[in-house]
Amino acid sequence: MHIYQGVEQLKQELPSSVVTIGNFDGVHLGHQQLIENVVREARYFGVPSVVYTFHPHPVKVLHPEKPTYRMFDLRDQQEQFEQRGVEYVIIEEFTREFSKLTPQDFLDRYIVGRLHPKTLVVGHDFSFGADRAGNIPYLEKYCAQKGIRLIIIPPFQLGGTVVSSTLIREKLKNGEVEKANELLGRTYYVRGHVQKGFQRGRTIGVPTANIHPDVEFIPRLGVYCTLTKIGAHLHPSVTNIGVNPTFEENGKNPVKIETHLFDFDAQLYGMEVEVYLLHFIRDEMKFSGIDELKKYIQKDMEETRRYFREHPQAR
């Protein structure tokens, strides 16, 4: 898969292609359906499949007062595209100046002028250009004039619910991990490098890997049944996402991910790991001291072991 930081980085224009345009935050079931259409159409015509996306998220540029955080890092997005057979990914830098392009200027200069799409595939709610003036009716007229085949993907529904990144983030914020994973079509995870912490867990017999996540979005603070991926292997684990209120330092503790891997005793400092969230156990709590903390940790471990006994397929 070829990745370009902006269409101008293409050494030469593509003579033909099948293109989709969007943010694709989370690459959820709806996005997956759209991408499958792009790849299938491209293979049918024997031309490259192209995903044209943006960074940073347009809302962060146009409405910085609105908190908009990607669920996964950009590397995950690229991994998902590659797994689904996409050949070209173009990540355009989204700026205020870029946002002022008219729909026609954007299409003429960035899409048609460089990628020469035979087919354009977009979601039902796609809009673009200054003041979002480029809507589906505009696109239908433009494509008809240019002789471009236009495929509009209807909203993807699961059990009567329209799948969206906003809904998935809401489910994760509510601790509804199973529902979020169902809407994603894959298991939500956080990724980061293991760093040295205060080693409190080791002193009470429950060593943890301390991870600082690589993304801004954080799900509900609390304790989870998890699987931790180290290299190619998945290990049952129990994970706390939070600020350690029991050992709070002036209320300014950063959010950390602390994961205890069952039946595992190897050095992980500096390694990158992925922690997959399977089930929410409880909210983060402030304890009266070490003894109460140890009691709850034991309960969390028992709950996690029971979860894996009752859900052996999760492993």
Protein backbone atom coordinates (compact mmCIF):
# COMPACT_ATOMS: atom_id res chain seq x y z
CA MET A 1 0.00 0.00 0.00
CA HIS A 2 1.29 3.46 -0.92
CA ILE A 3 0.82 6.34 1.55
CA TYR A 4 1.17 9.98 0.52
CA GLN A 5 1.07 13.06 2.73
CA GLY A 6 -1.11 15.09 0.39
CA VAL A 7 -2.00 14.60 -3.25
CA GLU A 8 0.84 16.88 -4.33
CA GLN A 9 3.27 14.23 -3.11
CA LEU A 10 2.18 11.92 -5.94
CA LYS A 11 5.09 11.80 -8.37
CA GLN A 12 2.69 11.56 -11.27
CA GLU A 13 -1.06 11.58 -11.77
CA LEU A 14 -2.93 8.30 -11.65
CA PRO A 15 -4.28 7.57 -15.14
CA SER A 16 -7.44 6.08 -13.59
CA SER A 17 -8.71 4.98 -10.18
CA VAL A 18 -11.64 4.33 -7.86
CA VAL A 19 -11.72 6.88 -5.04
CA THR A 20 -13.47 7.39 -1.74
CA ILE A 21 -13.20 10.51 0.42
CA GLY A 22 -13.77 10.84 4.18
CA ASN A 23 -12.40 10.89 7.71
CA PHE A 24 -12.93 7.20 8.52
CA ASP A 25 -12.53 7.60 12.27
CA GLY A 26 -12.42 4.10 13.73
CA VAL A 27 -12.88 2.30 10.38
CA HIS A 28 -16.12 0.86 11.78
CA LEU A 29 -18.61 -1.47 10.07
CA GLY A 30 -20.04 1.33 7.92
CA HIS A 31 -16.58 2.39 6.77
CA GLN A 32 -15.65 -1.22 6.12
CA GLN A 33 -18.65 -1.66 3.83
CA LEU A 34 -17.72 1.48 1.90
CA ILE A 35 -14.08 0.44 1.53
CA GLU A 36 -15.10 -3.03 0.35
CA ASN A 37 -17.12 -1.36 -2.42
CA VAL A 38 -14.11 0.73 -3.43
CA VAL A 39 -11.74 -2.24 -3.57
CA ARG A 40 -14.25 -4.44 -5.42
CA GLU A 41 -14.98 -1.72 -7.97
CA ALA A 42 -11.28 -1.04 -8.50
CA ARG A 43 -10.51 -4.71 -9.06
CA TYR A 44 -13.39 -5.02 -11.51
CA PHE A 45 -12.01 -2.19 -13.65
CA GLY A 46 -8.37 -3.12 -13.05
CA VAL A 47 -7.44 0.29 -11.61
CA PRO A 48 -5.98 1.40 -8.24
CA SER A 49 -8.21 1.83 -5.18
CA VAL A 50 -7.68 5.14 -3.39
CA VAL A 51 -8.72 6.40 0.05
CA TYR A 52 -8.45 10.18 0.32
CA THR A 53 -8.61 11.35 3.92
CA PHE A 54 -7.64 14.28 6.14
CA HIS A 55 -5.46 15.10 9.13
CA PRO A 56 -6.11 16.72 11.50
CA HIS A 57 -9.82 16.07 11.72
CA PRO A 58 -11.66 19.01 10.08
CA VAL A 59 -13.68 19.71 13.23
CA LYS A 60 -10.46 20.29 15.21
CA VAL A 61 -9.51 23.01 12.71
CA LEU A 62 -12.87 24.63 12.08
CA HIS A 63 -14.36 24.24 15.56
CA PRO A 64 -11.49 23.87 18.05
CA GLU A 65 -13.92 24.52 20.90
CA LYS A 66 -15.58 21.16 20.19
CA PRO A 67 -13.67 18.21 21.67
CA THR A 68 -13.15 15.78 18.78
CA TYR A 69 -10.77 12.92 19.41
CA ARG A 70 -9.94 10.02 17.12
CA MET A 71 -10.61 6.61 18.65
CA PHE A 72 -7.44 5.13 17.16
CA ASP A 73 -4.15 6.51 15.94
CA LEU A 74 -3.51 7.15 12.25
CA ARG A 75 -1.34 4.07 12.05
CA ASP A 76 -4.32 1.91 12.95
CA GLN A 77 -6.35 3.56 10.20
CA GLN A 78 -3.65 2.77 7.66
CA GLU A 79 -3.38 -0.81 8.92
CA GLN A 80 -7.14 -1.26 8.50
CA PHE A 81 -7.03 0.13 4.95
CA GLU A 82 -4.16 -2.17 4.01
CA GLN A 83 -5.87 -5.25 5.47
CA ARG A 84 -8.87 -4.50 3.25
CA GLY A 85 -6.87 -4.24 0.06
CA VAL A 86 -6.60 -0.47 -0.44
CA GLU A 87 -3.67 0.41 -2.73
CA TYR A 88 -3.27 4.17 -2.20
CA VAL A 89 -3.92 6.31 0.88
CA ILE A 90 -3.66 10.08 0.55
CA ILE A 91 -3.65 12.02 3.83
CA GLU A 92 -4.31 15.67 3.05
CA GLU A 93 -3.37 18.28 5.63
CA PHE A 94 -6.58 20.01 6.62
CA THR A 95 -6.12 23.75 7.18
CA ARG A 96 -8.42 26.76 7.26
CA GLU A 97 -7.15 27.76 3.84
CA PHE A 98 -7.90 24.32 2.47
CA SER A 99 -11.41 24.48 3.97
CA LYS A 100 -12.18 27.57 1.86
CA LEU A 101 -11.91 25.70 -1.43
CA THR A 102 -15.17 25.60 -3.37
CA PRO A 103 -16.51 22.12 -4.10
CA GLN A 104 -15.53 22.48 -7.76
CA ASP A 105 -12.00 23.67 -6.96
CA PHE A 106 -11.49 20.78 -4.58
CA LEU A 107 -12.71 18.17 -7.03
CA ASP A 108 -10.96 19.68 -10.05
CA ARG A 109 -7.58 20.21 -8.37
CA TYR A 110 -7.28 17.43 -5.80
CA ILE A 111 -9.44 14.57 -7.04
CA VAL A 112 -10.17 14.63 -10.76
CA GLY A 113 -7.04 16.54 -11.78
CA ARG A 114 -4.66 14.14 -9.99
CA LEU A 115 -6.50 10.84 -9.52
CA HIS A 116 -8.76 10.73 -12.61
CA PRO A 117 -11.41 8.58 -10.92
CA LYS A 118 -13.47 6.23 -13.03
CA THR A 119 -15.71 5.80 -10.01
CA LEU A 120 -16.28 7.86 -6.87
CA VAL A 121 -17.68 6.07 -3.80
CA VAL A 122 -19.07 8.15 -0.90
CA GLY A 123 -21.33 7.77 2.09
CA HIS A 124 -24.94 8.97 2.05
CA ASP A 125 -24.17 11.98 4.27
CA PHE A 126 -20.98 13.08 2.51
CA SER A 127 -20.42 16.84 2.20
CA PHE A 128 -17.37 18.91 1.35
CA GLY A 129 -16.03 22.28 0.27
CA ALA A 130 -16.47 25.77 1.71
CA ASP A 131 -19.57 25.95 3.93
CA ARG A 132 -20.17 22.26 3.10
CA ALA A 133 -21.71 23.40 -0.17
CA GLY A 134 -20.69 20.19 -1.88
CA ASN A 135 -23.51 17.80 -1.07
CA ILE A 136 -24.84 14.65 -2.74
CA PRO A 137 -27.02 16.49 -5.32
CA TYR A 138 -24.01 18.64 -6.25
CA LEU A 139 -21.82 15.56 -6.59
CA GLU A 140 -24.41 13.79 -8.75
CA LYS A 141 -24.48 16.72 -11.16
CA TYR A 142 -20.69 17.10 -11.21
CA CYS A 143 -20.04 13.40 -11.83
CA ALA A 144 -22.64 13.29 -14.59
CA GLN A 145 -20.88 16.17 -16.35
CA LYS A 146 -17.45 14.54 -15.99
CA GLY A 147 -18.56 11.04 -16.92
CA ILE A 148 -17.64 9.65 -13.48
CA ARG A 149 -19.61 6.75 -12.05
CA LEU A 150 -20.96 7.70 -8.60
CA ILE A 151 -21.79 5.13 -5.94
CA ILE A 152 -23.58 6.36 -2.82
CA ILE A 153 -23.41 3.96 0.12
CA PRO A 154 -26.55 4.00 2.30
CA PRO A 155 -26.24 4.18 6.11
CA PHE A 156 -25.06 0.91 7.63
CA GLN A 157 -27.45 -0.35 10.27
CA LEU A 158 -26.94 -2.98 12.95
CA GLY A 159 -30.11 -4.09 14.69
CA GLY A 160 -31.92 -1.00 13.43
CA THR A 161 -29.19 1.35 14.70
CA VAL A 162 -27.13 3.44 12.27
CA VAL A 163 -23.44 2.81 12.94
CA SER A 164 -21.38 5.97 13.44
CA SER A 165 -18.11 7.01 15.04
CA THR A 166 -20.02 9.36 17.37
CA LEU A 167 -22.21 6.51 18.63
CA ILE A 168 -19.22 4.23 19.19
CA ARG A 169 -17.38 6.89 21.18
CA GLU A 170 -20.54 7.36 23.26
CA LYS A 171 -20.72 3.62 23.99
CA LEU A 172 -17.06 3.56 25.02
CA LYS A 173 -17.56 6.58 27.28
CA ASN A 174 -20.46 4.72 28.92
CA GLY A 175 -18.41 1.56 29.42
CA GLU A 176 -20.58 -0.37 26.96
CA VAL A 177 -17.55 -2.13 25.51
CA GLU A 178 -19.33 -5.13 24.02
CA LYS A 179 -21.75 -2.88 22.11
CA ALA A 180 -18.93 -0.62 20.92
CA ASN A 181 -16.99 -3.64 19.64
CA GLU A 182 -20.08 -4.92 17.86
CA LEU A 183 -20.53 -1.56 16.09
CA LEU A 184 -16.83 -1.37 15.25
CA GLY A 185 -16.78 -4.85 13.79
CA ARG A 186 -13.54 -5.41 15.71
CA THR A 187 -12.27 -5.09 19.27
CA TYR A 188 -11.45 -1.63 20.55
CA TYR A 189 -7.90 -1.31 21.85
CA VAL A 190 -5.41 1.22 23.12
CA ARG A 191 -1.78 1.12 22.07
CA GLY A 192 1.36 2.52 23.63
CA HIS A 193 4.81 1.83 25.00
CA VAL A 194 5.34 0.37 28.45
CA GLN A 195 6.94 2.89 30.76
CA LYS A 196 8.34 2.64 34.24
CA GLY A 197 5.79 3.68 36.86
CA PHE A 198 5.84 3.90 40.64
CA GLN A 199 5.92 0.06 40.83
CA ARG A 200 3.20 0.07 43.48
CA GLY A 201 1.59 -2.99 41.91
CA ARG A 202 4.79 -4.99 42.24
CA THR A 203 5.05 -4.14 45.95
CA ILE A 204 1.60 -5.66 46.57
CA GLY A 205 2.18 -8.71 44.38
CA VAL A 206 0.28 -7.51 41.32
CA PRO A 207 2.83 -6.12 38.85
CA THR A 208 1.41 -3.99 36.06
CA ALA A 209 2.57 -2.74 32.69
CA ASN A 210 2.11 1.04 32.63
CA ILE A 211 1.12 2.39 29.24
CA HIS A 212 0.66 5.95 28.11
CA PRO A 213 -1.78 5.81 25.16
CA ASP A 214 -0.91 7.35 21.81
CA VAL A 215 -4.35 8.90 21.26
CA GLU A 216 -6.37 11.66 22.92
CA PHE A 217 -9.63 9.70 23.21
CA ILE A 218 -10.03 7.84 26.50
CA PRO A 219 -12.93 5.45 27.23
CA ARG A 220 -14.74 5.35 30.56
CA LEU A 221 -12.32 5.39 33.47
CA GLY A 222 -12.37 2.15 35.38
CA VAL A 223 -11.39 -1.52 35.41
CA TYR A 224 -11.74 -3.82 32.41
CA CYS A 225 -11.32 -7.44 31.42
CA THR A 226 -8.77 -7.24 28.64
CA LEU A 227 -6.41 -9.07 26.34
CA THR A 228 -2.92 -7.62 26.03
CA LYS A 229 -1.07 -8.22 22.79
CA ILE A 230 2.69 -8.56 23.02
CA GLY A 231 4.27 -9.34 19.69
CA ALA A 232 1.94 -11.86 18.07
CA HIS A 233 0.54 -13.25 21.33
CA LEU A 234 -2.58 -12.31 23.31
CA HIS A 235 -2.48 -12.60 27.10
CA PRO A 236 -5.51 -12.48 29.45
CA SER A 237 -5.25 -9.41 31.62
CA VAL A 238 -7.09 -7.00 33.90
CA THR A 239 -6.65 -3.30 33.19
CA ASN A 240 -7.26 -0.07 35.03
CA ILE A 241 -7.72 3.11 32.98
CA GLY A 242 -7.60 6.15 35.20
CA VAL A 243 -5.71 8.65 37.31
CA ASN A 244 -4.98 6.62 40.47
CA PRO A 245 -7.15 8.71 42.83
CA THR A 246 -5.93 6.71 45.83
CA PHE A 247 -2.45 8.18 45.26
CA GLU A 248 -3.63 11.46 43.78
CA GLU A 249 -1.05 14.19 43.46
CA ASN A 250 -2.79 17.58 43.62
CA GLY A 251 -5.56 16.25 41.36
CA LYS A 252 -3.30 16.48 38.32
CA ASN A 253 -2.48 12.85 37.65
CA PRO A 254 -2.45 12.05 33.92
CA VAL A 255 -4.66 9.24 32.65
CA LYS A 256 -2.67 6.01 32.64
CA ILE A 257 -3.36 2.46 31.56
CA GLU A 258 -2.15 -0.13 34.05
CA THR A 259 -2.42 -3.73 32.96
CA HIS A 260 -1.78 -6.88 34.97
CA LEU A 261 -1.12 -9.91 32.78
CA PHE A 262 -2.08 -13.27 34.26
CA ASP A 263 0.64 -15.92 34.56
CA PHE A 264 3.18 -13.66 32.92
CA ASP A 265 6.53 -12.54 34.28
CA ALA A 266 8.75 -10.94 31.64
CA GLN A 267 10.34 -7.54 31.23
CA LEU A 268 8.21 -5.23 29.06
CA TYR A 269 9.77 -1.79 29.55
CA GLY A 270 10.05 0.05 26.25
CA MET A 271 7.94 -2.46 24.34
CA GLU A 272 4.83 -1.43 22.44
CA VAL A 273 1.71 -3.30 23.49
CA GLU A 274 -1.96 -3.25 22.56
CA VAL A 275 -4.67 -3.63 25.21
CA TYR A 276 -8.00 -4.94 23.89
CA LEU A 277 -11.07 -4.03 25.96
CA LEU A 278 -13.59 -6.86 26.35
CA HIS A 279 -15.76 -6.08 29.37
CA PHE A 280 -16.19 -3.21 31.83
CA ILE A 281 -16.01 -4.33 35.47
CA ARG A 282 -16.36 -1.18 37.57
CA ASP A 283 -15.57 2.53 37.79
CA GLU A 284 -12.26 3.73 39.15
CA MET A 285 -12.45 4.30 42.90
CA LYS A 286 -10.51 6.13 45.59
CA PHE A 287 -9.62 3.73 48.39
CA SER A 288 -8.85 4.41 52.02
CA GLY A 289 -5.46 2.79 51.71
CA ILE A 290 -3.37 -0.11 50.42
CA ASP A 291 -5.40 -2.81 52.21
CA GLU A 292 -8.71 -1.79 50.64
CA LEU A 293 -7.00 -1.39 47.27
CA LYS A 294 -5.55 -4.92 47.48
CA LYS A 295 -9.00 -6.31 48.36
CA TYR A 296 -10.60 -4.75 45.29
CA ILE A 297 -7.74 -5.78 43.02
CA GLN A 298 -8.28 -9.38 44.08
CA LYS A 299 -12.00 -9.04 43.31
CA ASP A 300 -11.18 -7.57 39.89
CA MET A 301 -8.83 -10.46 39.15
CA GLU A 302 -11.43 -13.01 40.20
CA GLU A 303 -14.04 -11.29 38.03
CA THR A 304 -11.66 -11.31 35.07
CA ARG A 305 -10.79 -14.99 35.47
CA ARG A 306 -14.49 -15.79 35.66
CA TYR A 307 -15.12 -13.77 32.50
CA PHE A 308 -12.55 -15.79 30.56
CA ARG A 309 -13.97 -19.08 31.95
CA GLU A 310 -17.45 -18.05 30.76
CA HIS A 311 -16.19 -16.63 27.45
CA PRO A 312 -13.42 -19.03 26.32
CA GLN A 313 -13.79 -17.77 22.74
CA ALA A 314 -12.53 -14.37 23.91
CA ARG A 315 -9.04 -15.85 24.29
